Amino acid sequence: MLRTIWIASLYTRAFMRRFMPTNIVLDKLRTRRGLKWGVPAMLLAVVYFYLAAVMSVLVDGGASKWLYVVMLACIWNAFKFLIFGPVSLVTLVRVRLGERRSRAAAARAQQHLASA
């Protein structure tokens, strides 16, 4: 039973990573070129929170209770974008420091070879 649940969760995760729009966007933002867009991408959280509020109003107005599932997904996606903004800043700083260190090491190696 545990093995079946484990396999089902793996397939669900793979499906979500590949086909859900927010996961695709976050994967693009995690690249070196996309890290600078992490903070502006936090604005998408506002859109998702607004959609969640709209779903709540619709359910209160008599719409299907299944919209609570959509509302929960919107809130989850909003928090993903809110958390990714600061994480992308930290990651970008680490990457840039690493690039600076490697450039300095390459310059030192080139000076060493030129002086030898």
PDB file of N, CA and C in Angstrom:
ATOM      1  N   MET A   1       0.818  -1.193   0.000  1.00  0.00           N
ATOM      2  CA  MET A   1       0.000   0.000   0.000  1.00  0.00           C
ATOM      3  C   MET A   1       0.866   1.263   0.000  1.00  0.00           C
ATOM      4  N   LEU A   2       1.905   1.272   0.840  1.00  0.00           N
ATOM      5  CA  LEU A   2       2.779   2.430   0.909  1.00  0.00           C
ATOM      6  C   LEU A   2       3.496   2.650  -0.425  1.00  0.00           C
ATOM      7  N   ARG A   3       3.887   1.544  -1.060  1.00  0.00           N
ATOM      8  CA  ARG A   3       4.567   1.640  -2.349  1.00  0.00           C
ATOM      9  C   ARG A   3       3.645   2.262  -3.395  1.00  0.00           C
ATOM     10  N   THR A   4       2.386   1.908  -3.400  1.00  0.00           N
ATOM     11  CA  THR A   4       1.419   2.449  -4.353  1.00  0.00           C
ATOM     12  C   THR A   4       1.226   3.944  -4.140  1.00  0.00           C
ATOM     13  N   ILE A   5       1.124   4.356  -2.902  1.00  0.00           N
ATOM     14  CA  ILE A   5       0.985   5.779  -2.589  1.00  0.00           C
ATOM     15  C   ILE A   5       2.237   6.525  -3.014  1.00  0.00           C
ATOM     16  N   TRP A   6       3.390   5.937  -2.756  1.00  0.00           N
ATOM     17  CA  TRP A   6       4.663   6.560  -3.119  1.00  0.00           C
ATOM     18  C   TRP A   6       4.747   6.750  -4.639  1.00  0.00           C
ATOM     19  N   ILE A   7       4.431   5.724  -5.402  1.00  0.00           N
ATOM     20  CA  ILE A   7       4.483   5.793  -6.862  1.00  0.00           C
ATOM     21  C   ILE A   7       3.475   6.814  -7.386  1.00  0.00           C
ATOM     22  N   ALA A   8       2.276   6.820  -6.827  1.00  0.00           N
ATOM     23  CA  ALA A   8       1.257   7.782  -7.252  1.00  0.00           C
ATOM     24  C   ALA A   8       1.715   9.210  -6.986  1.00  0.00           C
ATOM     25  N   SER A   9       2.363   9.435  -5.856  1.00  0.00           N
ATOM     26  CA  SER A   9       2.846  10.782  -5.556  1.00  0.00           C
ATOM     27  C   SER A   9       3.974  11.187  -6.495  1.00  0.00           C
ATOM     28  N   LEU A  10       4.822  10.243  -6.875  1.00  0.00           N
ATOM     29  CA  LEU A  10       5.887  10.552  -7.827  1.00  0.00           C
ATOM     30  C   LEU A  10       5.327  10.943  -9.190  1.00  0.00           C
ATOM     31  N   TYR A  11       4.345  10.196  -9.663  1.00  0.00           N
ATOM     32  CA  TYR A  11       3.739  10.524 -10.956  1.00  0.00           C
ATOM     33  C   TYR A  11       2.985  11.852 -10.900  1.00  0.00           C
ATOM     34  N   THR A  12       2.331  12.114  -9.783  1.00  0.00           N
ATOM     35  CA  THR A  12       1.624  13.384  -9.629  1.00  0.00           C
ATOM     36  C   THR A  12       2.598  14.549  -9.628  1.00  0.00           C
ATOM     37  N   ARG A  13       3.697  14.397  -8.918  1.00  0.00           N
ATOM     38  CA  ARG A  13       4.709  15.452  -8.880  1.00  0.00           C
ATOM     39  C   ARG A  13       5.298  15.692 -10.259  1.00  0.00           C
ATOM     40  N   ALA A  14       5.598  14.622 -10.990  1.00  0.00           N
ATOM     41  CA  ALA A  14       6.161  14.762 -12.329  1.00  0.00           C
ATOM     42  C   ALA A  14       5.169  15.467 -13.261  1.00  0.00           C
ATOM     43  N   PHE A  15       3.898  15.113 -13.145  1.00  0.00           N
ATOM     44  CA  PHE A  15       2.880  15.775 -13.966  1.00  0.00           C
ATOM     45  C   PHE A  15       2.806  17.257 -13.633  1.00  0.00           C
ATOM     46  N   MET A  16       2.789  17.580 -12.348  1.00  0.00           N
ATOM     47  CA  MET A  16       2.690  18.979 -11.921  1.00  0.00           C
ATOM     48  C   MET A  16       3.901  19.787 -12.372  1.00  0.00           C
ATOM     49  N   ARG A  17       5.091  19.219 -12.249  1.00  0.00           N
ATOM     50  CA  ARG A  17       6.310  19.935 -12.657  1.00  0.00           C
ATOM     51  C   ARG A  17       6.300  20.223 -14.148  1.00  0.00           C
ATOM     52  N   ARG A  18       5.757  19.323 -14.921  1.00  0.00           N
ATOM     53  CA  ARG A  18       5.834  19.432 -16.371  1.00  0.00           C
ATOM     54  C   ARG A  18       4.724  20.282 -16.977  1.00  0.00           C
ATOM     55  N   PHE A  19       3.527  20.262 -16.409  1.00  0.00           N
ATOM     56  CA  PHE A  19       2.393  20.848 -17.109  1.00  0.00           C
ATOM     57  C   PHE A  19       1.690  22.002 -16.390  1.00  0.00           C
ATOM     58  N   MET A  20       1.959  22.248 -15.132  1.00  0.00           N
ATOM     59  CA  MET A  20       1.280  23.328 -14.438  1.00  0.00           C
ATOM     60  C   MET A  20       1.996  24.657 -14.697  1.00  0.00           C
ATOM     61  N   PRO A  21       1.258  25.701 -15.077  1.00  0.00           N
ATOM     62  CA  PRO A  21       1.886  26.963 -15.493  1.00  0.00           C
ATOM     63  C   PRO A  21       2.795  27.597 -14.445  1.00  0.00           C
ATOM     64  N   THR A  22       2.403  27.582 -13.180  1.00  0.00           N
ATOM     65  CA  THR A  22       3.250  28.231 -12.184  1.00  0.00           C
ATOM     66  C   THR A  22       4.569  27.487 -12.006  1.00  0.00           C
ATOM     67  N   ASN A  23       4.536  26.174 -12.093  1.00  0.00           N
ATOM     68  CA  ASN A  23       5.781  25.418 -11.975  1.00  0.00           C
ATOM     69  C   ASN A  23       6.685  25.654 -13.167  1.00  0.00           C
ATOM     70  N   ILE A  24       6.110  25.794 -14.355  1.00  0.00           N
ATOM     71  CA  ILE A  24       6.903  26.091 -15.541  1.00  0.00           C
ATOM     72  C   ILE A  24       7.559  27.459 -15.394  1.00  0.00           C
ATOM     73  N   VAL A  25       6.793  28.451 -14.933  1.00  0.00           N
ATOM     74  CA  VAL A  25       7.339  29.800 -14.747  1.00  0.00           C
ATOM     75  C   VAL A  25       8.441  29.786 -13.694  1.00  0.00           C
ATOM     76  N   LEU A  26       8.206  29.115 -12.587  1.00  0.00           N
ATOM     77  CA  LEU A  26       9.232  29.072 -11.545  1.00  0.00           C
ATOM     78  C   LEU A  26      10.489  28.343 -12.007  1.00  0.00           C
ATOM     79  N   ASP A  27      10.345  27.306 -12.833  1.00  0.00           N
ATOM     80  CA  ASP A  27      11.522  26.632 -13.375  1.00  0.00           C
ATOM     81  C   ASP A  27      12.314  27.567 -14.280  1.00  0.00           C
ATOM     82  N   LYS A  28      11.632  28.382 -15.064  1.00  0.00           N
ATOM     83  CA  LYS A  28      12.316  29.362 -15.921  1.00  0.00           C
ATOM     84  C   LYS A  28      12.997  30.427 -15.077  1.00  0.00           C
ATOM     85  N   LEU A  29      12.363  30.817 -13.974  1.00  0.00           N
ATOM     86  CA  LEU A  29      12.944  31.844 -13.109  1.00  0.00           C
ATOM     87  C   LEU A  29      14.153  31.327 -12.329  1.00  0.00           C
ATOM     88  N   ARG A  30      14.261  30.035 -12.154  1.00  0.00           N
ATOM     89  CA  ARG A  30      15.383  29.473 -11.405  1.00  0.00           C
ATOM     90  C   ARG A  30      16.666  29.378 -12.234  1.00  0.00           C
ATOM     91  N   THR A  31      16.586  29.679 -13.532  1.00  0.00           N
ATOM     92  CA  THR A  31      17.786  29.662 -14.355  1.00  0.00           C
ATOM     93  C   THR A  31      18.624  30.895 -14.048  1.00  0.00           C
ATOM     94  N   ARG A  32      19.847  30.925 -14.526  1.00  0.00           N
ATOM     95  CA  ARG A  32      20.731  32.063 -14.266  1.00  0.00           C
ATOM     96  C   ARG A  32      20.140  33.350 -14.843  1.00  0.00           C
ATOM     97  N   ARG A  33      19.592  33.275 -16.041  1.00  0.00           N
ATOM     98  CA  ARG A  33      19.013  34.462 -16.675  1.00  0.00           C
ATOM     99  C   ARG A  33      17.711  34.884 -16.016  1.00  0.00           C
ATOM    100  N   GLY A  34      17.011  33.976 -15.383  1.00  0.00           N
ATOM    101  CA  GLY A  34      15.711  34.290 -14.812  1.00  0.00           C
ATOM    102  C   GLY A  34      15.752  34.783 -13.382  1.00  0.00           C
ATOM    103  N   LEU A  35      16.886  34.647 -12.712  1.00  0.00           N
ATOM    104  CA  LEU A  35      16.950  35.023 -11.296  1.00  0.00           C
ATOM    105  C   LEU A  35      16.657  36.502 -11.070  1.00  0.00           C
ATOM    106  N   LYS A  36      17.017  37.343 -12.035  1.00  0.00           N
ATOM    107  CA  LYS A  36      16.789  38.773 -11.852  1.00  0.00           C
ATOM    108  C   LYS A  36      15.307  39.132 -11.891  1.00  0.00           C
ATOM    109  N   TRP A  37      14.466  38.224 -12.374  1.00  0.00           N
ATOM    110  CA  TRP A  37      13.037  38.473 -12.459  1.00  0.00           C
ATOM    111  C   TRP A  37      12.274  37.911 -11.264  1.00  0.00           C
ATOM    112  N   GLY A  38      12.958  37.471 -10.242  1.00  0.00           N
ATOM    113  CA  GLY A  38      12.304  36.878  -9.084  1.00  0.00           C
ATOM    114  C   GLY A  38      11.443  37.854  -8.306  1.00  0.00           C
ATOM    115  N   VAL A  39      11.950  39.055  -8.074  1.00  0.00           N
ATOM    116  CA  VAL A  39      11.190  40.038  -7.303  1.00  0.00           C
ATOM    117  C   VAL A  39       9.989  40.556  -8.098  1.00  0.00           C
ATOM    118  N   PRO A  40      10.150  40.910  -9.398  1.00  0.00           N
ATOM    119  CA  PRO A  40       8.937  41.298 -10.143  1.00  0.00           C
ATOM    120  C   PRO A  40       7.913  40.165 -10.256  1.00  0.00           C
ATOM    121  N   ALA A  41       8.375  38.928 -10.253  1.00  0.00           N
ATOM    122  CA  ALA A  41       7.440  37.801 -10.332  1.00  0.00           C
ATOM    123  C   ALA A  41       6.602  37.691  -9.062  1.00  0.00           C
ATOM    124  N   MET A  42       7.062  38.307  -7.988  1.00  0.00           N
ATOM    125  CA  MET A  42       6.267  38.301  -6.761  1.00  0.00           C
ATOM    126  C   MET A  42       4.929  39.000  -6.969  1.00  0.00           C
ATOM    127  N   LEU A  43       4.849  39.879  -7.957  1.00  0.00           N
ATOM    128  CA  LEU A  43       3.588  40.568  -8.237  1.00  0.00           C
ATOM    129  C   LEU A  43       2.501  39.600  -8.718  1.00  0.00           C
ATOM    130  N   LEU A  44       2.916  38.457  -9.240  1.00  0.00           N
ATOM    131  CA  LEU A  44       1.919  37.453  -9.631  1.00  0.00           C
ATOM    132  C   LEU A  44       1.155  36.926  -8.426  1.00  0.00           C
ATOM    133  N   ALA A  45       1.758  37.029  -7.260  1.00  0.00           N
ATOM    134  CA  ALA A  45       1.071  36.599  -6.040  1.00  0.00           C
ATOM    135  C   ALA A  45      -0.184  37.448  -5.805  1.00  0.00           C
ATOM    136  N   VAL A  46      -0.105  38.728  -6.147  1.00  0.00           N
ATOM    137  CA  VAL A  46      -1.267  39.603  -5.986  1.00  0.00           C
ATOM    138  C   VAL A  46      -2.416  39.098  -6.855  1.00  0.00           C
ATOM    139  N   VAL A  47      -2.088  38.717  -8.086  1.00  0.00           N
ATOM    140  CA  VAL A  47      -3.120  38.205  -8.996  1.00  0.00           C
ATOM    141  C   VAL A  47      -3.746  36.929  -8.429  1.00  0.00           C
ATOM    142  N   TYR A  48      -2.917  36.042  -7.919  1.00  0.00           N
ATOM    143  CA  TYR A  48      -3.449  34.786  -7.379  1.00  0.00           C
ATOM    144  C   TYR A  48      -4.285  35.015  -6.126  1.00  0.00           C
ATOM    145  N   PHE A  49      -3.869  35.941  -5.267  1.00  0.00           N
ATOM    146  CA  PHE A  49      -4.695  36.243  -4.094  1.00  0.00           C
ATOM    147  C   PHE A  49      -6.027  36.863  -4.517  1.00  0.00           C
ATOM    148  N   TYR A  50      -6.001  37.697  -5.555  1.00  0.00           N
ATOM    149  CA  TYR A  50      -7.245  38.278  -6.055  1.00  0.00           C
ATOM    150  C   TYR A  50      -8.171  37.190  -6.593  1.00  0.00           C
ATOM    151  N   LEU A  51      -7.600  36.258  -7.357  1.00  0.00           N
ATOM    152  CA  LEU A  51      -8.411  35.151  -7.871  1.00  0.00           C
ATOM    153  C   LEU A  51      -9.007  34.316  -6.736  1.00  0.00           C
ATOM    154  N   ALA A  52      -8.226  34.114  -5.680  1.00  0.00           N
ATOM    155  CA  ALA A  52      -8.737  33.366  -4.533  1.00  0.00           C
ATOM    156  C   ALA A  52      -9.903  34.114  -3.879  1.00  0.00           C
ATOM    157  N   ALA A  53      -9.786  35.424  -3.794  1.00  0.00           N
ATOM    158  CA  ALA A  53     -10.877  36.220  -3.218  1.00  0.00           C
ATOM    159  C   ALA A  53     -12.125  36.140  -4.091  1.00  0.00           C
ATOM    160  N   VAL A  54     -11.926  36.170  -5.409  1.00  0.00           N
ATOM    161  CA  VAL A  54     -13.069  36.052  -6.327  1.00  0.00           C
ATOM    162  C   VAL A  54     -13.743  34.689  -6.156  1.00  0.00           C
ATOM    163  N   MET A  55     -12.955  33.642  -6.027  1.00  0.00           N
ATOM    164  CA  MET A  55     -13.531  32.306  -5.836  1.00  0.00           C
ATOM    165  C   MET A  55     -14.336  32.245  -4.537  1.00  0.00           C
ATOM    166  N   SER A  56     -13.824  32.881  -3.505  1.00  0.00           N
ATOM    167  CA  SER A  56     -14.532  32.893  -2.228  1.00  0.00           C
ATOM    168  C   SER A  56     -15.874  33.623  -2.352  1.00  0.00           C
ATOM    169  N   VAL A  57     -15.885  34.739  -3.049  1.00  0.00           N
ATOM    170  CA  VAL A  57     -17.123  35.494  -3.243  1.00  0.00           C
ATOM    171  C   VAL A  57     -18.118  34.678  -4.058  1.00  0.00           C
ATOM    172  N   LEU A  58     -17.605  33.977  -5.084  1.00  0.00           N
ATOM    173  CA  LEU A  58     -18.501  33.156  -5.902  1.00  0.00           C
ATOM    174  C   LEU A  58     -19.142  32.032  -5.091  1.00  0.00           C
ATOM    175  N   VAL A  59     -18.340  31.389  -4.244  1.00  0.00           N
ATOM    176  CA  VAL A  59     -18.889  30.304  -3.427  1.00  0.00           C
ATOM    177  C   VAL A  59     -19.905  30.868  -2.432  1.00  0.00           C
ATOM    178  N   ASP A  60     -19.594  32.011  -1.845  1.00  0.00           N
ATOM    179  CA  ASP A  60     -20.547  32.629  -0.918  1.00  0.00           C
ATOM    180  C   ASP A  60     -21.834  33.039  -1.627  1.00  0.00           C
ATOM    181  N   GLY A  61     -21.719  33.317  -2.922  1.00  0.00           N
ATOM    182  CA  GLY A  61     -22.900  33.713  -3.691  1.00  0.00           C
ATOM    183  C   GLY A  61     -23.716  32.547  -4.204  1.00  0.00           C
ATOM    184  N   GLY A  62     -23.296  31.329  -3.920  1.00  0.00           N
ATOM    185  CA  GLY A  62     -24.098  30.180  -4.300  1.00  0.00           C
ATOM    186  C   GLY A  62     -23.466  29.289  -5.352  1.00  0.00           C
ATOM    187  N   ALA A  63     -22.244  29.563  -5.755  1.00  0.00           N
ATOM    188  CA  ALA A  63     -21.591  28.708  -6.747  1.00  0.00           C
ATOM    189  C   ALA A  63     -21.170  27.385  -6.103  1.00  0.00           C
ATOM    190  N   SER A  64     -20.654  26.496  -6.915  1.00  0.00           N
ATOM    191  CA  SER A  64     -20.271  25.169  -6.452  1.00  0.00           C
ATOM    192  C   SER A  64     -19.176  25.234  -5.391  1.00  0.00           C
ATOM    193  N   LYS A  65     -19.268  24.353  -4.437  1.00  0.00           N
ATOM    194  CA  LYS A  65     -18.251  24.285  -3.380  1.00  0.00           C
ATOM    195  C   LYS A  65     -16.908  23.798  -3.913  1.00  0.00           C
ATOM    196  N   TRP A  66     -16.898  23.239  -5.116  1.00  0.00           N
ATOM    197  CA  TRP A  66     -15.642  22.791  -5.723  1.00  0.00           C
ATOM    198  C   TRP A  66     -14.706  23.966  -6.015  1.00  0.00           C
ATOM    199  N   LEU A  67     -15.236  25.172  -6.052  1.00  0.00           N
ATOM    200  CA  LEU A  67     -14.384  26.337  -6.270  1.00  0.00           C
ATOM    201  C   LEU A  67     -13.433  26.572  -5.098  1.00  0.00           C
ATOM    202  N   TYR A  68     -13.728  25.958  -3.964  1.00  0.00           N
ATOM    203  CA  TYR A  68     -12.787  26.034  -2.846  1.00  0.00           C
ATOM    204  C   TYR A  68     -11.460  25.364  -3.218  1.00  0.00           C
ATOM    205  N   VAL A  69     -11.517  24.334  -4.045  1.00  0.00           N
ATOM    206  CA  VAL A  69     -10.285  23.673  -4.493  1.00  0.00           C
ATOM    207  C   VAL A  69      -9.475  24.627  -5.356  1.00  0.00           C
ATOM    208  N   VAL A  70     -10.147  25.350  -6.247  1.00  0.00           N
ATOM    209  CA  VAL A  70      -9.465  26.340  -7.085  1.00  0.00           C
ATOM    210  C   VAL A  70      -8.904  27.453  -6.206  1.00  0.00           C
ATOM    211  N   MET A  71      -9.665  27.865  -5.220  1.00  0.00           N
ATOM    212  CA  MET A  71      -9.208  28.911  -4.304  1.00  0.00           C
ATOM    213  C   MET A  71      -7.953  28.460  -3.551  1.00  0.00           C
ATOM    214  N   LEU A  72      -7.949  27.235  -3.088  1.00  0.00           N
ATOM    215  CA  LEU A  72      -6.779  26.701  -2.390  1.00  0.00           C
ATOM    216  C   LEU A  72      -5.566  26.657  -3.310  1.00  0.00           C
ATOM    217  N   ALA A  73      -5.764  26.250  -4.565  1.00  0.00           N
ATOM    218  CA  ALA A  73      -4.661  26.219  -5.531  1.00  0.00           C
ATOM    219  C   ALA A  73      -4.131  27.626  -5.791  1.00  0.00           C
ATOM    220  N   CYS A  74      -5.019  28.601  -5.874  1.00  0.00           N
ATOM    221  CA  CYS A  74      -4.584  29.989  -6.083  1.00  0.00           C
ATOM    222  C   CYS A  74      -3.768  30.499  -4.902  1.00  0.00           C
ATOM    223  N   ILE A  75      -4.206  30.185  -3.701  1.00  0.00           N
ATOM    224  CA  ILE A  75      -3.461  30.614  -2.510  1.00  0.00           C
ATOM    225  C   ILE A  75      -2.098  29.936  -2.470  1.00  0.00           C
ATOM    226  N   TRP A  76      -2.058  28.652  -2.789  1.00  0.00           N
ATOM    227  CA  TRP A  76      -0.790  27.913  -2.815  1.00  0.00           C
ATOM    228  C   TRP A  76       0.176  28.531  -3.820  1.00  0.00           C
ATOM    229  N   ASN A  77      -0.306  28.839  -5.016  1.00  0.00           N
ATOM    230  CA  ASN A  77       0.543  29.437  -6.041  1.00  0.00           C
ATOM    231  C   ASN A  77       1.004  30.830  -5.645  1.00  0.00           C
ATOM    232  N   ALA A  78       0.139  31.581  -4.991  1.00  0.00           N
ATOM    233  CA  ALA A  78       0.525  32.917  -4.535  1.00  0.00           C
ATOM    234  C   ALA A  78       1.669  32.831  -3.530  1.00  0.00           C
ATOM    235  N   PHE A  79       1.581  31.898  -2.604  1.00  0.00           N
ATOM    236  CA  PHE A  79       2.659  31.755  -1.625  1.00  0.00           C
ATOM    237  C   PHE A  79       3.951  31.280  -2.274  1.00  0.00           C
ATOM    238  N   LYS A  80       3.846  30.456  -3.315  1.00  0.00           N
ATOM    239  CA  LYS A  80       5.054  30.021  -4.026  1.00  0.00           C
ATOM    240  C   LYS A  80       5.787  31.223  -4.610  1.00  0.00           C
ATOM    241  N   PHE A  81       5.038  32.148  -5.229  1.00  0.00           N
ATOM    242  CA  PHE A  81       5.673  33.322  -5.811  1.00  0.00           C
ATOM    243  C   PHE A  81       6.167  34.286  -4.735  1.00  0.00           C
ATOM    244  N   LEU A  82       5.439  34.407  -3.637  1.00  0.00           N
ATOM    245  CA  LEU A  82       5.897  35.287  -2.551  1.00  0.00           C
ATOM    246  C   LEU A  82       7.215  34.798  -1.951  1.00  0.00           C
ATOM    247  N   ILE A  83       7.331  33.512  -1.788  1.00  0.00           N
ATOM    248  CA  ILE A  83       8.550  32.958  -1.199  1.00  0.00           C
ATOM    249  C   ILE A  83       9.703  32.992  -2.192  1.00  0.00           C
ATOM    250  N   PHE A  84       9.403  32.836  -3.480  1.00  0.00           N
ATOM    251  CA  PHE A  84      10.470  32.771  -4.467  1.00  0.00           C
ATOM    252  C   PHE A  84      11.204  34.093  -4.620  1.00  0.00           C
ATOM    253  N   GLY A  85      10.545  35.225  -4.410  1.00  0.00           N
ATOM    254  CA  GLY A  85      11.199  36.524  -4.573  1.00  0.00           C
ATOM    255  C   GLY A  85      12.455  36.672  -3.725  1.00  0.00           C
ATOM    256  N   PRO A  86      12.358  36.564  -2.403  1.00  0.00           N
ATOM    257  CA  PRO A  86      13.563  36.681  -1.575  1.00  0.00           C
ATOM    258  C   PRO A  86      14.574  35.553  -1.830  1.00  0.00           C
ATOM    259  N   VAL A  87      14.078  34.361  -2.113  1.00  0.00           N
ATOM    260  CA  VAL A  87      14.994  33.250  -2.400  1.00  0.00           C
ATOM    261  C   VAL A  87      15.796  33.544  -3.653  1.00  0.00           C
ATOM    262  N   SER A  88      15.150  34.131  -4.665  1.00  0.00           N
ATOM    263  CA  SER A  88      15.870  34.444  -5.902  1.00  0.00           C
ATOM    264  C   SER A  88      16.930  35.513  -5.664  1.00  0.00           C
ATOM    265  N   LEU A  89      16.655  36.471  -4.775  1.00  0.00           N
ATOM    266  CA  LEU A  89      17.666  37.490  -4.470  1.00  0.00           C
ATOM    267  C   LEU A  89      18.896  36.869  -3.829  1.00  0.00           C
ATOM    268  N   VAL A  90      18.677  36.002  -2.869  1.00  0.00           N
ATOM    269  CA  VAL A  90      19.804  35.344  -2.202  1.00  0.00           C
ATOM    270  C   VAL A  90      20.583  34.492  -3.195  1.00  0.00           C
ATOM    271  N   THR A  91      19.873  33.761  -4.033  1.00  0.00           N
ATOM    272  CA  THR A  91      20.525  32.908  -5.025  1.00  0.00           C
ATOM    273  C   THR A  91      21.302  33.750  -6.024  1.00  0.00           C
ATOM    274  N   LEU A  92      20.732  34.868  -6.466  1.00  0.00           N
ATOM    275  CA  LEU A  92      21.414  35.734  -7.416  1.00  0.00           C
ATOM    276  C   LEU A  92      22.687  36.313  -6.824  1.00  0.00           C
ATOM    277  N   VAL A  93      22.651  36.718  -5.567  1.00  0.00           N
ATOM    278  CA  VAL A  93      23.855  37.238  -4.916  1.00  0.00           C
ATOM    279  C   VAL A  93      24.922  36.149  -4.837  1.00  0.00           C
ATOM    280  N   ARG A  94      24.541  34.943  -4.483  1.00  0.00           N
ATOM    281  CA  ARG A  94      25.511  33.837  -4.400  1.00  0.00           C
ATOM    282  C   ARG A  94      26.123  33.531  -5.762  1.00  0.00           C
ATOM    283  N   VAL A  95      25.294  33.538  -6.799  1.00  0.00           N
ATOM    284  CA  VAL A  95      25.790  33.248  -8.148  1.00  0.00           C
ATOM    285  C   VAL A  95      26.752  34.338  -8.608  1.00  0.00           C
ATOM    286  N   ARG A  96      26.394  35.584  -8.367  1.00  0.00           N
ATOM    287  CA  ARG A  96      27.267  36.686  -8.793  1.00  0.00           C
ATOM    288  C   ARG A  96      28.580  36.684  -8.026  1.00  0.00           C
ATOM    289  N   LEU A  97      28.539  36.364  -6.746  1.00  0.00           N
ATOM    290  CA  LEU A  97      29.792  36.266  -5.995  1.00  0.00           C
ATOM    291  C   LEU A  97      30.660  35.134  -6.524  1.00  0.00           C
ATOM    292  N   GLY A  98      30.045  34.010  -6.859  1.00  0.00           N
ATOM    293  CA  GLY A  98      30.798  32.899  -7.435  1.00  0.00           C
ATOM    294  C   GLY A  98      31.401  33.263  -8.782  1.00  0.00           C
ATOM    295  N   GLU A  99      30.649  34.001  -9.602  1.00  0.00           N
ATOM    296  CA  GLU A  99      31.177  34.440 -10.891  1.00  0.00           C
ATOM    297  C   GLU A  99      32.336  35.404 -10.701  1.00  0.00           C
ATOM    298  N   ARG A 100      32.218  36.297  -9.720  1.00  0.00           N
ATOM    299  CA  ARG A 100      33.297  37.243  -9.457  1.00  0.00           C
ATOM    300  C   ARG A 100      34.555  36.505  -8.993  1.00  0.00           C
ATOM    301  N   ARG A 101      34.359  35.498  -8.112  1.00  0.00           N
ATOM    302  CA  ARG A 101      35.512  34.718  -7.654  1.00  0.00           C
ATOM    303  C   ARG A 101      36.182  33.980  -8.804  1.00  0.00           C
ATOM    304  N   SER A 102      35.397  33.406  -9.704  1.00  0.00           N
ATOM    305  CA  SER A 102      35.996  32.660 -10.811  1.00  0.00           C
ATOM    306  C   SER A 102      36.695  33.599 -11.793  1.00  0.00           C
ATOM    307  N   ARG A 103      36.153  34.802 -12.004  1.00  0.00           N
ATOM    308  CA  ARG A 103      36.842  35.772 -12.864  1.00  0.00           C
ATOM    309  C   ARG A 103      38.161  36.204 -12.244  1.00  0.00           C
ATOM    310  N   ALA A 104      38.157  36.423 -10.927  1.00  0.00           N
ATOM    311  CA  ALA A 104      39.390  36.826 -10.243  1.00  0.00           C
ATOM    312  C   ALA A 104      40.423  35.705 -10.304  1.00  0.00           C
ATOM    313  N   ALA A 105      39.984  34.471 -10.128  1.00  0.00           N
ATOM    314  CA  ALA A 105      40.909  33.343 -10.208  1.00  0.00           C
ATOM    315  C   ALA A 105      41.470  33.198 -11.614  1.00  0.00           C
ATOM    316  N   ALA A 106      40.636  33.417 -12.631  1.00  0.00           N
ATOM    317  CA  ALA A 106      41.116  33.334 -14.009  1.00  0.00           C
ATOM    318  C   ALA A 106      42.110  34.448 -14.296  1.00  0.00           C
ATOM    319  N   ALA A 107      41.861  35.630 -13.764  1.00  0.00           N
ATOM    320  CA  ALA A 107      42.792  36.747 -13.971  1.00  0.00           C
ATOM    321  C   ALA A 107      44.125  36.468 -13.280  1.00  0.00           C
ATOM    322  N   ARG A 108      44.068  35.893 -12.061  1.00  0.00           N
ATOM    323  CA  ARG A 108      45.311  35.555 -11.361  1.00  0.00           C
ATOM    324  C   ARG A 108      46.089  34.489 -12.122  1.00  0.00           C
ATOM    325  N   ALA A 109      45.382  33.525 -12.656  1.00  0.00           N
ATOM    326  CA  ALA A 109      46.057  32.464 -13.412  1.00  0.00           C
ATOM    327  C   ALA A 109      46.679  33.028 -14.679  1.00  0.00           C
ATOM    328  N   GLN A 110      45.990  33.953 -15.321  1.00  0.00           N
ATOM    329  CA  GLN A 110      46.530  34.555 -16.539  1.00  0.00           C
ATOM    330  C   GLN A 110      47.757  35.407 -16.213  1.00  0.00           C
ATOM    331  N   GLN A 111      47.729  36.147 -15.096  1.00  0.00           N
ATOM    332  CA  GLN A 111      48.904  36.934 -14.695  1.00  0.00           C
ATOM    333  C   GLN A 111      50.058  36.026 -14.341  1.00  0.00           C
ATOM    334  N   HIS A 112      49.759  34.907 -13.689  1.00  0.00           N
ATOM    335  CA  HIS A 112      50.804  33.960 -13.320  1.00  0.00           C
ATOM    336  C   HIS A 112      51.459  33.394 -14.560  1.00  0.00           C
ATOM    337  N   LEU A 113      50.670  33.058 -15.559  1.00  0.00           N
ATOM    338  CA  LEU A 113      51.226  32.509 -16.807  1.00  0.00           C
ATOM    339  C   LEU A 113      52.007  33.567 -17.576  1.00  0.00           C
ATOM    340  N   ALA A 114      51.544  34.823 -17.523  1.00  0.00           N
ATOM    341  CA  ALA A 114      52.245  35.889 -18.237  1.00  0.00           C
ATOM    342  C   ALA A 114      53.565  36.217 -17.582  1.00  0.00           C
ATOM    343  N   SER A 115      53.648  36.102 -16.261  1.00  0.00           N
ATOM    344  CA  SER A 115      54.883  36.437 -15.571  1.00  0.00           C
ATOM    345  C   SER A 115      55.888  35.289 -15.610  1.00  0.00           C
ATOM    346  N   ALA A 116      55.446  34.096 -15.931  1.00  0.00           N
ATOM    347  CA  ALA A 116      56.354  32.941 -15.935  1.00  0.00           C
ATOM    348  C   ALA A 116      57.138  32.824 -17.192  1.00  0.00           C
TER     349      ALA A 116
END
